[in-house]
Each structure stands twice: as structure tokens, then as C-alpha cells.
Amino acid sequence: MKNKGGSFFSGIDTLVGWYGMAAILLAYALVSFGTLKPDSLTYQLLNLSGALGILVISLLKRAFQPAALNIVWAIIAVVAVIFMFAK
């Protein structure tokens, strides 16, 4: 099953990228409107999974600037989760 991108996986790749964008924006909105606290596990996991989603699509499209940004974003989220469980 092929789509315009030429392979079956390009549709899945696109969905992963869109998920990443939506997860990061959702995390930001929920914290901005007071629904989540910035030190909550949900917030950090949304940031982590979102960063990984954008990282995947960025690397596949050879867009290295957003890939680098999202590597750092994911590392920050992982460190924050580790600190949460170390308390």
C-alpha cells in the first residue's frame, strides 16, 4: 500500500510527526491554563513523547535543526522525570 510519499511508512511517519506537534502544544496549553502543573508526570511525558515524534519526522526529512532541538527537549523531559522519581 503506497501513498504520495512513495512508501507505506511515510503515512505513519507523518502521523508520528503530527502527534509530536499536538502533544507538545497540548502540554503547553494545559500548563498555561492551569490544568496541569509543570512538575506533573503527565506534562513531562507529553513533552517527551512529543519531542520524540518530532525528532523522528525531522530525521527522516533530514531537517537537522528541529531534530537537535527535540533531542534536547527529550533529554530535559527524561531528566525531569528522573528527578521526580528520585524525590
C-alpha atoms as a PDB file:
ATOM      1  CA  MET A   1       0.000   0.000   0.000  1.00  0.00           C
ATOM      2  CA  LYS A   2       1.714   3.181  -1.187  1.00  0.00           C
ATOM      3  CA  ASN A   3       0.824   6.826  -0.786  1.00  0.00           C
ATOM      4  CA  LYS A   4       2.170  10.032  -2.341  1.00  0.00           C
ATOM      5  CA  GLY A   5       5.341   9.804  -0.234  1.00  0.00           C
ATOM      6  CA  GLY A   6       6.314   6.624  -2.022  1.00  0.00           C
ATOM      7  CA  SER A   7       6.210   4.141   0.826  1.00  0.00           C
ATOM      8  CA  PHE A   8       3.756   2.630   3.246  1.00  0.00           C
ATOM      9  CA  PHE A   9       5.637   4.079   6.221  1.00  0.00           C
ATOM     10  CA  SER A  10       5.592   7.696   5.087  1.00  0.00           C
ATOM     11  CA  GLY A  11       1.959   7.962   6.194  1.00  0.00           C
ATOM     12  CA  ILE A  12       2.833   6.557   9.612  1.00  0.00           C
ATOM     13  CA  ASP A  13       5.851   8.869   9.805  1.00  0.00           C
ATOM     14  CA  THR A  14       3.611  11.843   9.127  1.00  0.00           C
ATOM     15  CA  LEU A  15       1.183  10.762  11.846  1.00  0.00           C
ATOM     16  CA  VAL A  16       4.069  10.421  14.312  1.00  0.00           C
ATOM     17  CA  GLY A  17       5.207  13.944  13.473  1.00  0.00           C
ATOM     18  CA  TRP A  18       1.708  15.387  13.846  1.00  0.00           C
ATOM     19  CA  TYR A  19       1.294  13.551  17.155  1.00  0.00           C
ATOM     20  CA  GLY A  20       4.550  15.111  18.371  1.00  0.00           C
ATOM     21  CA  MET A  21       3.399  18.599  17.476  1.00  0.00           C
ATOM     22  CA  ALA A  22      -0.002  18.062  19.106  1.00  0.00           C
ATOM     23  CA  ALA A  23       1.478  16.558  22.295  1.00  0.00           C
ATOM     24  CA  ILE A  24       3.864  19.475  22.857  1.00  0.00           C
ATOM     25  CA  LEU A  25       1.180  22.074  22.154  1.00  0.00           C
ATOM     26  CA  LEU A  26      -1.292  20.255  24.413  1.00  0.00           C
ATOM     27  CA  ALA A  27       1.267  20.118  27.233  1.00  0.00           C
ATOM     28  CA  TYR A  28       1.979  23.830  26.862  1.00  0.00           C
ATOM     29  CA  ALA A  29      -1.708  24.764  26.764  1.00  0.00           C
ATOM     30  CA  LEU A  30      -2.617  22.599  29.767  1.00  0.00           C
ATOM     31  CA  VAL A  31       0.145  24.153  31.877  1.00  0.00           C
ATOM     32  CA  SER A  32      -0.613  27.670  30.645  1.00  0.00           C
ATOM     33  CA  PHE A  33      -4.275  27.368  31.605  1.00  0.00           C
ATOM     34  CA  GLY A  34      -3.548  25.729  34.956  1.00  0.00           C
ATOM     35  CA  THR A  35      -4.950  22.286  34.110  1.00  0.00           C
ATOM     36  CA  LEU A  36      -1.564  20.605  34.640  1.00  0.00           C
ATOM     37  CA  LYS A  37       1.332  21.549  36.857  1.00  0.00           C
ATOM     38  CA  PRO A  38       4.751  21.800  35.206  1.00  0.00           C
ATOM     39  CA  ASP A  39       6.130  19.264  37.663  1.00  0.00           C
ATOM     40  CA  SER A  40       3.491  16.640  36.809  1.00  0.00           C
ATOM     41  CA  LEU A  41       4.396  13.340  35.195  1.00  0.00           C
ATOM     42  CA  THR A  42       1.706  13.829  32.540  1.00  0.00           C
ATOM     43  CA  TYR A  43       3.242  17.130  31.459  1.00  0.00           C
ATOM     44  CA  GLN A  44       6.721  15.643  31.199  1.00  0.00           C
ATOM     45  CA  LEU A  45       5.521  12.557  29.323  1.00  0.00           C
ATOM     46  CA  LEU A  46       3.609  14.699  26.830  1.00  0.00           C
ATOM     47  CA  ASN A  47       6.783  16.722  26.269  1.00  0.00           C
ATOM     48  CA  LEU A  48       8.935  13.606  25.951  1.00  0.00           C
ATOM     49  CA  SER A  49       6.642  11.748  23.567  1.00  0.00           C
ATOM     50  CA  GLY A  50       6.030  14.905  21.552  1.00  0.00           C
ATOM     51  CA  ALA A  51       9.737  15.596  21.217  1.00  0.00           C
ATOM     52  CA  LEU A  52      10.360  12.022  20.093  1.00  0.00           C
ATOM     53  CA  GLY A  53       7.591  12.280  17.496  1.00  0.00           C
ATOM     54  CA  ILE A  54       9.019  15.460  16.032  1.00  0.00           C
ATOM     55  CA  LEU A  55      12.528  14.015  16.231  1.00  0.00           C
ATOM     56  CA  VAL A  56      11.511  11.001  14.120  1.00  0.00           C
ATOM     57  CA  ILE A  57       9.937  13.036  11.332  1.00  0.00           C
ATOM     58  CA  SER A  58      12.746  15.619  11.429  1.00  0.00           C
ATOM     59  CA  LEU A  59      15.433  12.973  10.979  1.00  0.00           C
ATOM     60  CA  LEU A  60      13.511  11.253   8.189  1.00  0.00           C
ATOM     61  CA  LYS A  61      13.154  14.556   6.356  1.00  0.00           C
ATOM     62  CA  ARG A  62      16.777  15.442   7.120  1.00  0.00           C
ATOM     63  CA  ALA A  63      15.713  18.589   8.975  1.00  0.00           C
ATOM     64  CA  PHE A  64      18.510  18.668  11.498  1.00  0.00           C
ATOM     65  CA  GLN A  65      17.710  21.915  13.337  1.00  0.00           C
ATOM     66  CA  PRO A  66      14.343  20.703  14.699  1.00  0.00           C
ATOM     67  CA  ALA A  67      15.926  17.293  15.315  1.00  0.00           C
ATOM     68  CA  ALA A  68      18.622  18.878  17.505  1.00  0.00           C
ATOM     69  CA  LEU A  69      16.040  20.979  19.358  1.00  0.00           C
ATOM     70  CA  ASN A  70      13.901  17.943  20.078  1.00  0.00           C
ATOM     71  CA  ILE A  71      16.847  15.830  21.248  1.00  0.00           C
ATOM     72  CA  VAL A  72      17.484  18.483  23.886  1.00  0.00           C
ATOM     73  CA  TRP A  73      13.731  18.740  24.621  1.00  0.00           C
ATOM     74  CA  ALA A  74      13.532  14.977  25.177  1.00  0.00           C
ATOM     75  CA  ILE A  75      16.641  14.951  27.389  1.00  0.00           C
ATOM     76  CA  ILE A  76      15.163  17.690  29.567  1.00  0.00           C
ATOM     77  CA  ALA A  77      11.939  15.704  29.933  1.00  0.00           C
ATOM     78  CA  VAL A  78      13.815  12.499  30.820  1.00  0.00           C
ATOM     79  CA  VAL A  79      15.914  14.295  33.437  1.00  0.00           C
ATOM     80  CA  ALA A  80      12.786  15.913  34.901  1.00  0.00           C
ATOM     81  CA  VAL A  81      11.076  12.502  35.182  1.00  0.00           C
ATOM     82  CA  ILE A  82      14.176  11.022  36.842  1.00  0.00           C
ATOM     83  CA  PHE A  83      14.204  13.871  39.372  1.00  0.00           C
ATOM     84  CA  MET A  84      10.505  13.287  40.073  1.00  0.00           C
ATOM     85  CA  PHE A  85      11.117   9.668  40.971  1.00  0.00           C
ATOM     86  CA  ALA A  86      14.292  10.498  42.931  1.00  0.00           C
ATOM     87  CA  LYS A  87      12.381  12.718  45.376  1.00  0.00           C
END
